Structures are given as structure tokens and as C-alpha cells.
Amino acid sequence: MPQIIPIRDMKNTSKISQMCHASDEPIFVTKNGYGDMVIMSMKMYEEKMFMLDVYSKLIAAEEQLTEGKMLDGDASLKSIREKYNV
């Protein structure tokens, strides 16, 4: 379940930092009862950015498949081995 805190609780930075590191989800901050910000630990941020990169690469690969832009695996390996004398 997501954690939601009011912006006035942001004064206690040590407690907020501990909450961010203890949670596997972002923490939502409200202002006047409405969503205002989302905070998370650096580790979680890096993981989310990594997965976003993976998903964007998967989408690009799927688009290449639908356009027929694919190479034969055996032929590709053979050309790489010939090029680098492996």
C-alpha cells in the first residue's frame, strides 16, 4: 500500500529519509489534501530508471521485428567470427 504524507511532515528529514529507504515504493506527498510530490530513495530511482531503459529497448526491438528488420543469428555470429578471427 502506498505511503502518503502531508507536506508539513517534510520538516523531519531524517524520518523521511528512513521511510524512503525502508519502503519499496515511492512516498506520495500531499499539499492541501492534493497530490504534490513523489519521493524515493536513490537506489529505487536508479532501479526504476534502469527498468524504464529496458522497457524502451524492448519496445524498439518489437518495432524492428514487426518491420522485418532482423538478422539471422547464425549468419551474424559467422560474420563476427570472421571479422575478429575468433
C-alpha atoms as a PDB file:
ATOM      1  CA  MET A   1       0.000   0.000   0.000  1.00  0.00           C
ATOM      2  CA  PRO A   2       1.456   3.393  -0.904  1.00  0.00           C
ATOM      3  CA  GLN A   3       2.551   5.748   1.846  1.00  0.00           C
ATOM      4  CA  ILE A   4       1.018   9.210   1.753  1.00  0.00           C
ATOM      5  CA  ILE A   5       2.255  12.038   3.972  1.00  0.00           C
ATOM      6  CA  PRO A   6       1.338  15.726   4.209  1.00  0.00           C
ATOM      7  CA  ILE A   7       3.956  18.259   3.168  1.00  0.00           C
ATOM      8  CA  ARG A   8       4.185  19.604   6.724  1.00  0.00           C
ATOM      9  CA  ASP A   9       5.803  16.284   7.727  1.00  0.00           C
ATOM     10  CA  MET A  10       8.726  17.054   5.402  1.00  0.00           C
ATOM     11  CA  LYS A  11      10.316  19.078   8.214  1.00  0.00           C
ATOM     12  CA  ASN A  12      11.619  15.875   9.796  1.00  0.00           C
ATOM     13  CA  THR A  13      14.121  14.986   7.075  1.00  0.00           C
ATOM     14  CA  SER A  14      15.742  12.126   8.980  1.00  0.00           C
ATOM     15  CA  LYS A  15      12.412  10.373   9.400  1.00  0.00           C
ATOM     16  CA  ILE A  16      11.541  10.921   5.720  1.00  0.00           C
ATOM     17  CA  SER A  17      14.918   9.524   4.653  1.00  0.00           C
ATOM     18  CA  GLN A  18      14.379   6.430   6.794  1.00  0.00           C
ATOM     19  CA  MET A  19      10.908   5.970   5.308  1.00  0.00           C
ATOM     20  CA  CYS A  20      12.293   6.209   1.774  1.00  0.00           C
ATOM     21  CA  HIS A  21      14.987   3.629   2.419  1.00  0.00           C
ATOM     22  CA  ALA A  22      12.616   1.263   4.240  1.00  0.00           C
ATOM     23  CA  SER A  23       9.951   1.337   1.527  1.00  0.00           C
ATOM     24  CA  ASP A  24       9.979  -0.478  -1.810  1.00  0.00           C
ATOM     25  CA  GLU A  25       7.528   2.071  -3.183  1.00  0.00           C
ATOM     26  CA  PRO A  26       7.647   5.825  -3.643  1.00  0.00           C
ATOM     27  CA  ILE A  27       6.175   8.063  -0.956  1.00  0.00           C
ATOM     28  CA  PHE A  28       3.463  10.469  -2.050  1.00  0.00           C
ATOM     29  CA  VAL A  29       3.431  13.944  -0.536  1.00  0.00           C
ATOM     30  CA  THR A  30       0.207  15.931  -0.397  1.00  0.00           C
ATOM     31  CA  LYS A  31      -0.345  19.664  -0.135  1.00  0.00           C
ATOM     32  CA  ASN A  32      -3.747  20.941   0.980  1.00  0.00           C
ATOM     33  CA  GLY A  33      -5.131  17.438   0.512  1.00  0.00           C
ATOM     34  CA  TYR A  34      -3.970  17.064  -3.104  1.00  0.00           C
ATOM     35  CA  GLY A  35      -1.034  15.167  -4.569  1.00  0.00           C
ATOM     36  CA  ASP A  36       2.015  17.412  -4.886  1.00  0.00           C
ATOM     37  CA  MET A  37       5.254  15.366  -4.999  1.00  0.00           C
ATOM     38  CA  VAL A  38       6.660  11.869  -5.017  1.00  0.00           C
ATOM     39  CA  ILE A  39       9.909  10.984  -3.214  1.00  0.00           C
ATOM     40  CA  MET A  40      12.014   7.836  -3.197  1.00  0.00           C
ATOM     41  CA  SER A  41      15.486   6.639  -2.349  1.00  0.00           C
ATOM     42  CA  MET A  42      18.311   6.979  -4.877  1.00  0.00           C
ATOM     43  CA  LYS A  43      18.549   3.192  -5.095  1.00  0.00           C
ATOM     44  CA  MET A  44      14.884   2.887  -6.034  1.00  0.00           C
ATOM     45  CA  TYR A  45      15.202   5.747  -8.517  1.00  0.00           C
ATOM     46  CA  GLU A  46      18.159   4.069 -10.239  1.00  0.00           C
ATOM     47  CA  GLU A  47      16.260   0.764 -10.396  1.00  0.00           C
ATOM     48  CA  LYS A  48      13.212   2.479 -11.918  1.00  0.00           C
ATOM     49  CA  MET A  49      15.355   4.289 -14.499  1.00  0.00           C
ATOM     50  CA  PHE A  50      17.128   1.029 -15.391  1.00  0.00           C
ATOM     51  CA  MET A  51      13.813  -0.750 -15.931  1.00  0.00           C
ATOM     52  CA  LEU A  52      12.499   2.173 -17.990  1.00  0.00           C
ATOM     53  CA  ASP A  53      15.566   1.838 -20.227  1.00  0.00           C
ATOM     54  CA  VAL A  54      14.995  -1.917 -20.551  1.00  0.00           C
ATOM     55  CA  TYR A  55      11.340  -1.404 -21.493  1.00  0.00           C
ATOM     56  CA  SER A  56      12.188   1.235 -24.105  1.00  0.00           C
ATOM     57  CA  LYS A  57      14.755  -1.100 -25.671  1.00  0.00           C
ATOM     58  CA  LEU A  58      12.204  -3.918 -25.731  1.00  0.00           C
ATOM     59  CA  ILE A  59       9.700  -1.651 -27.485  1.00  0.00           C
ATOM     60  CA  ALA A  60      12.325  -0.702 -30.081  1.00  0.00           C
ATOM     61  CA  ALA A  61      13.161  -4.381 -30.637  1.00  0.00           C
ATOM     62  CA  GLU A  62       9.488  -5.277 -31.079  1.00  0.00           C
ATOM     63  CA  GLU A  63       9.105  -2.476 -33.624  1.00  0.00           C
ATOM     64  CA  GLN A  64      12.102  -3.815 -35.551  1.00  0.00           C
ATOM     65  CA  LEU A  65      10.558  -7.283 -35.562  1.00  0.00           C
ATOM     66  CA  THR A  66       7.249  -6.023 -36.929  1.00  0.00           C
ATOM     67  CA  GLU A  67       9.111  -4.089 -39.651  1.00  0.00           C
ATOM     68  CA  GLY A  68      11.065  -7.203 -40.569  1.00  0.00           C
ATOM     69  CA  LYS A  69      14.411  -5.681 -39.589  1.00  0.00           C
ATOM     70  CA  MET A  70      16.008  -8.777 -38.124  1.00  0.00           C
ATOM     71  CA  LEU A  71      19.170 -10.709 -38.849  1.00  0.00           C
ATOM     72  CA  ASP A  72      19.823 -14.417 -38.960  1.00  0.00           C
ATOM     73  CA  GLY A  73      21.646 -15.356 -35.759  1.00  0.00           C
ATOM     74  CA  ASP A  74      23.950 -17.951 -37.307  1.00  0.00           C
ATOM     75  CA  ALA A  75      24.951 -15.652 -40.158  1.00  0.00           C
ATOM     76  CA  SER A  76      25.611 -12.783 -37.739  1.00  0.00           C
ATOM     77  CA  LEU A  77      27.831 -14.927 -35.499  1.00  0.00           C
ATOM     78  CA  LYS A  78      29.704 -16.257 -38.520  1.00  0.00           C
ATOM     79  CA  SER A  79      30.434 -12.746 -39.820  1.00  0.00           C
ATOM     80  CA  ILE A  80      31.600 -11.583 -36.363  1.00  0.00           C
ATOM     81  CA  ARG A  81      33.893 -14.620 -36.010  1.00  0.00           C
ATOM     82  CA  GLU A  82      35.364 -13.980 -39.471  1.00  0.00           C
ATOM     83  CA  LYS A  83      35.827 -10.287 -38.775  1.00  0.00           C
ATOM     84  CA  TYR A  84      37.656 -10.817 -35.470  1.00  0.00           C
ATOM     85  CA  ASN A  85      39.301 -14.166 -36.304  1.00  0.00           C
ATOM     86  CA  VAL A  86      37.630 -15.948 -33.420  1.00  0.00           C
END
